[in-house]
């Protein structure tokens, strides 16, 4: 491959990556509240994982519901991108 071909390939790859990033960024930005919810759910999950005691089974149940909520938010984001 010539030096020019390698340069052209690199520029094309970078341009394609940039375009894909812009498209994905717009899709995520359009659903800012949903992505914020994912962040908060992740933080809640981490806090519950770090908790010392099981609290009579309620901690495990809460983790389960957070996992379900996370799955629903992700499904909502995917549905909004269609």
N, C-alpha and C. Protein backbone atom coordinates (compact mmCIF):
# COMPACT_ATOMS: atom_id res chain seq x y z
N UNK A 1 0.85 -1.16 0.00
CA UNK A 1 0.00 0.00 0.00
C UNK A 1 0.91 1.24 0.00
N UNK A 2 0.58 2.19 -0.83
CA UNK A 2 1.40 3.39 -0.92
C UNK A 2 1.14 4.31 0.26
N UNK A 3 2.05 5.25 0.44
CA UNK A 3 1.92 6.21 1.52
C UNK A 3 0.63 7.02 1.36
N UNK A 4 0.31 7.38 0.12
CA UNK A 4 -0.91 8.14 -0.15
C UNK A 4 -2.15 7.32 0.19
N UNK A 5 -2.14 6.03 -0.16
CA UNK A 5 -3.28 5.15 0.12
C UNK A 5 -3.50 5.01 1.62
N UNK A 6 -2.40 4.86 2.36
CA UNK A 6 -2.51 4.73 3.81
C UNK A 6 -3.08 6.01 4.42
N UNK A 7 -2.63 7.14 3.91
CA UNK A 7 -3.13 8.42 4.42
C UNK A 7 -4.60 8.58 4.11
N UNK A 8 -4.99 8.23 2.89
CA UNK A 8 -6.39 8.33 2.49
C UNK A 8 -7.27 7.41 3.34
N UNK A 9 -6.78 6.22 3.58
CA UNK A 9 -7.52 5.26 4.41
C UNK A 9 -7.67 5.79 5.83
N UNK A 10 -6.60 6.35 6.37
CA UNK A 10 -6.65 6.89 7.73
C UNK A 10 -7.64 8.04 7.81
N UNK A 11 -7.61 8.94 6.84
CA UNK A 11 -8.52 10.08 6.84
C UNK A 11 -9.96 9.60 6.69
N UNK A 12 -10.19 8.65 5.82
CA UNK A 12 -11.54 8.11 5.62
C UNK A 12 -12.06 7.45 6.89
N UNK A 13 -11.20 6.71 7.55
CA UNK A 13 -11.59 6.03 8.79
C UNK A 13 -11.93 7.05 9.87
N UNK A 14 -11.10 8.07 9.99
CA UNK A 14 -11.35 9.10 10.99
C UNK A 14 -12.65 9.84 10.69
N UNK A 15 -12.91 10.13 9.42
CA UNK A 15 -14.14 10.83 9.04
C UNK A 15 -15.36 9.97 9.36
N UNK A 16 -15.28 8.70 9.05
CA UNK A 16 -16.40 7.79 9.33
C UNK A 16 -16.65 7.68 10.83
N UNK A 17 -15.58 7.60 11.61
CA UNK A 17 -15.70 7.53 13.06
C UNK A 17 -16.33 8.80 13.61
N UNK A 18 -15.91 9.94 13.11
CA UNK A 18 -16.46 11.22 13.55
C UNK A 18 -17.94 11.31 13.23
N UNK A 19 -18.32 10.92 12.03
CA UNK A 19 -19.75 10.96 11.64
C UNK A 19 -20.58 10.04 12.51
N UNK A 20 -20.07 8.85 12.76
CA UNK A 20 -20.79 7.90 13.61
C UNK A 20 -20.91 8.45 15.02
N UNK A 21 -19.85 9.06 15.53
CA UNK A 21 -19.87 9.64 16.87
C UNK A 21 -20.87 10.77 16.98
N UNK A 22 -20.94 11.60 15.97
CA UNK A 22 -21.90 12.70 15.98
C UNK A 22 -23.33 12.16 15.97
N UNK A 23 -23.58 11.16 15.13
CA UNK A 23 -24.92 10.56 15.06
C UNK A 23 -25.31 9.94 16.40
N UNK A 24 -24.42 9.15 16.97
CA UNK A 24 -24.72 8.51 18.25
C UNK A 24 -24.86 9.53 19.36
N UNK A 25 -24.03 10.56 19.33
CA UNK A 25 -24.11 11.61 20.34
C UNK A 25 -25.44 12.32 20.28
N UNK A 26 -25.95 12.57 19.09
CA UNK A 26 -27.25 13.23 18.95
C UNK A 26 -28.37 12.33 19.45
N UNK A 27 -28.26 11.04 19.15
CA UNK A 27 -29.29 10.10 19.61
C UNK A 27 -29.33 10.06 21.13
N UNK A 28 -28.16 10.00 21.78
CA UNK A 28 -28.11 9.98 23.24
C UNK A 28 -28.53 11.33 23.81
N UNK A 29 -28.10 12.42 23.19
CA UNK A 29 -28.43 13.75 23.70
C UNK A 29 -29.93 14.01 23.63
N UNK A 30 -30.57 13.44 22.62
CA UNK A 30 -32.01 13.63 22.46
C UNK A 30 -32.78 12.95 23.59
N UNK A 31 -32.13 12.06 24.30
CA UNK A 31 -32.77 11.33 25.39
C UNK A 31 -32.00 11.56 26.69
N UNK A 32 -31.69 12.81 26.94
CA UNK A 32 -30.89 13.18 28.10
C UNK A 32 -31.45 12.70 29.42
N UNK A 33 -32.75 12.79 29.58
CA UNK A 33 -33.38 12.35 30.84
C UNK A 33 -33.24 10.84 31.02
N UNK A 34 -33.37 10.11 29.92
CA UNK A 34 -33.25 8.65 30.00
C UNK A 34 -31.81 8.25 30.34
N UNK A 35 -30.85 8.90 29.71
CA UNK A 35 -29.46 8.56 30.01
C UNK A 35 -29.08 8.99 31.42
N UNK A 36 -29.66 10.10 31.90
CA UNK A 36 -29.43 10.51 33.29
C UNK A 36 -30.01 9.47 34.24
N UNK A 37 -31.18 8.94 33.89
CA UNK A 37 -31.79 7.90 34.72
C UNK A 37 -30.89 6.68 34.80
N UNK A 38 -30.26 6.31 33.68
CA UNK A 38 -29.33 5.17 33.70
C UNK A 38 -28.16 5.44 34.65
N UNK A 39 -27.67 6.67 34.62
CA UNK A 39 -26.57 7.03 35.52
C UNK A 39 -26.99 6.88 36.98
N UNK A 40 -28.16 7.43 37.31
CA UNK A 40 -28.63 7.35 38.70
C UNK A 40 -28.92 5.92 39.12
N UNK A 41 -29.48 5.13 38.22
CA UNK A 41 -29.73 3.73 38.55
C UNK A 41 -28.42 2.99 38.79
N UNK A 42 -27.42 3.29 37.99
CA UNK A 42 -26.11 2.68 38.19
C UNK A 42 -25.50 3.06 39.52
N UNK A 43 -25.65 4.32 39.90
CA UNK A 43 -25.14 4.78 41.19
C UNK A 43 -25.88 4.11 42.34
N UNK A 44 -27.19 3.99 42.22
CA UNK A 44 -27.97 3.32 43.27
C UNK A 44 -27.56 1.86 43.39
N UNK A 45 -27.35 1.21 42.26
CA UNK A 45 -26.92 -0.19 42.25
C UNK A 45 -25.58 -0.33 42.97
N UNK A 46 -24.65 0.55 42.65
CA UNK A 46 -23.33 0.49 43.28
C UNK A 46 -23.42 0.70 44.79
N UNK A 47 -24.25 1.63 45.23
CA UNK A 47 -24.41 1.88 46.66
C UNK A 47 -25.01 0.66 47.37
N UNK A 48 -26.00 0.04 46.76
CA UNK A 48 -26.60 -1.14 47.37
C UNK A 48 -25.63 -2.31 47.40
N UNK A 49 -24.82 -2.44 46.36
CA UNK A 49 -23.82 -3.51 46.34
C UNK A 49 -22.82 -3.33 47.46
N UNK A 50 -22.49 -2.08 47.77
CA UNK A 50 -21.49 -1.79 48.79
C UNK A 50 -22.07 -1.84 50.21
N UNK A 51 -23.38 -1.89 50.34
CA UNK A 51 -24.00 -1.93 51.67
C UNK A 51 -23.57 -3.19 52.42
N UNK A 52 -23.42 -3.06 53.73
CA UNK A 52 -22.90 -4.16 54.55
C UNK A 52 -23.88 -5.31 54.73
N UNK A 53 -25.07 -5.01 55.16
CA UNK A 53 -26.00 -6.08 55.51
C UNK A 53 -27.08 -6.24 54.45
N UNK A 54 -27.75 -7.37 54.49
CA UNK A 54 -28.80 -7.66 53.52
C UNK A 54 -30.10 -6.96 53.86
N UNK A 55 -30.26 -6.52 55.08
CA UNK A 55 -31.47 -5.79 55.51
C UNK A 55 -32.74 -6.62 55.33
N UNK A 56 -32.67 -7.86 55.77
CA UNK A 56 -33.85 -8.72 55.72
C UNK A 56 -34.28 -9.10 54.31
N UNK A 57 -33.36 -9.09 53.38
CA UNK A 57 -33.66 -9.46 51.99
C UNK A 57 -34.07 -8.28 51.13
N UNK A 58 -34.29 -7.12 51.73
CA UNK A 58 -34.75 -5.96 50.98
C UNK A 58 -33.66 -5.39 50.06
N UNK A 59 -32.41 -5.50 50.48
CA UNK A 59 -31.31 -5.02 49.63
C UNK A 59 -31.25 -5.81 48.33
N UNK A 60 -31.37 -7.12 48.43
CA UNK A 60 -31.34 -7.98 47.25
C UNK A 60 -32.54 -7.69 46.35
N UNK A 61 -33.69 -7.50 46.97
CA UNK A 61 -34.90 -7.17 46.20
C UNK A 61 -34.73 -5.83 45.49
N UNK A 62 -34.18 -4.85 46.19
CA UNK A 62 -33.95 -3.54 45.58
C UNK A 62 -32.99 -3.65 44.41
N UNK A 63 -31.94 -4.44 44.55
CA UNK A 63 -31.00 -4.65 43.44
C UNK A 63 -31.71 -5.26 42.24
N UNK A 64 -32.59 -6.21 42.51
CA UNK A 64 -33.36 -6.84 41.43
C UNK A 64 -34.22 -5.81 40.69
N UNK A 65 -34.90 -4.96 41.45
CA UNK A 65 -35.76 -3.95 40.82
C UNK A 65 -34.95 -2.90 40.07
N UNK A 66 -33.78 -2.59 40.57
CA UNK A 66 -32.91 -1.65 39.84
C UNK A 66 -32.48 -2.27 38.52
N UNK A 67 -32.15 -3.55 38.54
CA UNK A 67 -31.78 -4.23 37.29
C UNK A 67 -32.95 -4.23 36.30
N UNK A 68 -34.15 -4.47 36.80
CA UNK A 68 -35.33 -4.43 35.93
C UNK A 68 -35.56 -3.02 35.38
N UNK A 69 -35.42 -2.02 36.23
CA UNK A 69 -35.61 -0.63 35.79
C UNK A 69 -34.56 -0.25 34.76
N UNK A 70 -33.33 -0.67 34.98
CA UNK A 70 -32.25 -0.39 34.03
C UNK A 70 -32.57 -0.99 32.67
N UNK A 71 -33.05 -2.22 32.66
CA UNK A 71 -33.40 -2.88 31.40
C UNK A 71 -34.53 -2.13 30.69
N UNK A 72 -35.51 -1.64 31.46
CA UNK A 72 -36.62 -0.91 30.86
C UNK A 72 -36.17 0.43 30.29
N UNK A 73 -35.28 1.12 31.00
CA UNK A 73 -34.77 2.40 30.49
C UNK A 73 -33.98 2.17 29.21
N UNK A 74 -33.15 1.14 29.19
CA UNK A 74 -32.39 0.83 27.97
C UNK A 74 -33.33 0.49 26.81
N UNK A 75 -34.39 -0.25 27.10
CA UNK A 75 -35.37 -0.58 26.06
C UNK A 75 -36.07 0.69 25.57
N UNK A 76 -36.36 1.60 26.47
CA UNK A 76 -36.99 2.86 26.08
C UNK A 76 -36.07 3.69 25.21
N UNK A 77 -34.79 3.72 25.54
CA UNK A 77 -33.83 4.44 24.72
C UNK A 77 -33.77 3.83 23.32
N UNK A 78 -33.72 2.50 23.27
CA UNK A 78 -33.66 1.83 21.97
C UNK A 78 -34.93 2.10 21.16
N UNK A 79 -36.08 2.11 21.82
CA UNK A 79 -37.33 2.37 21.11
C UNK A 79 -37.38 3.81 20.59
N UNK A 80 -36.80 4.72 21.34
CA UNK A 80 -36.78 6.12 20.92
C UNK A 80 -35.85 6.39 19.78
N UNK A 81 -34.91 5.49 19.52
CA UNK A 81 -33.95 5.66 18.43
C UNK A 81 -34.48 5.12 17.11
N UNK A 82 -35.62 4.47 17.14
CA UNK A 82 -36.16 3.88 15.90
C UNK A 82 -36.96 4.89 15.13
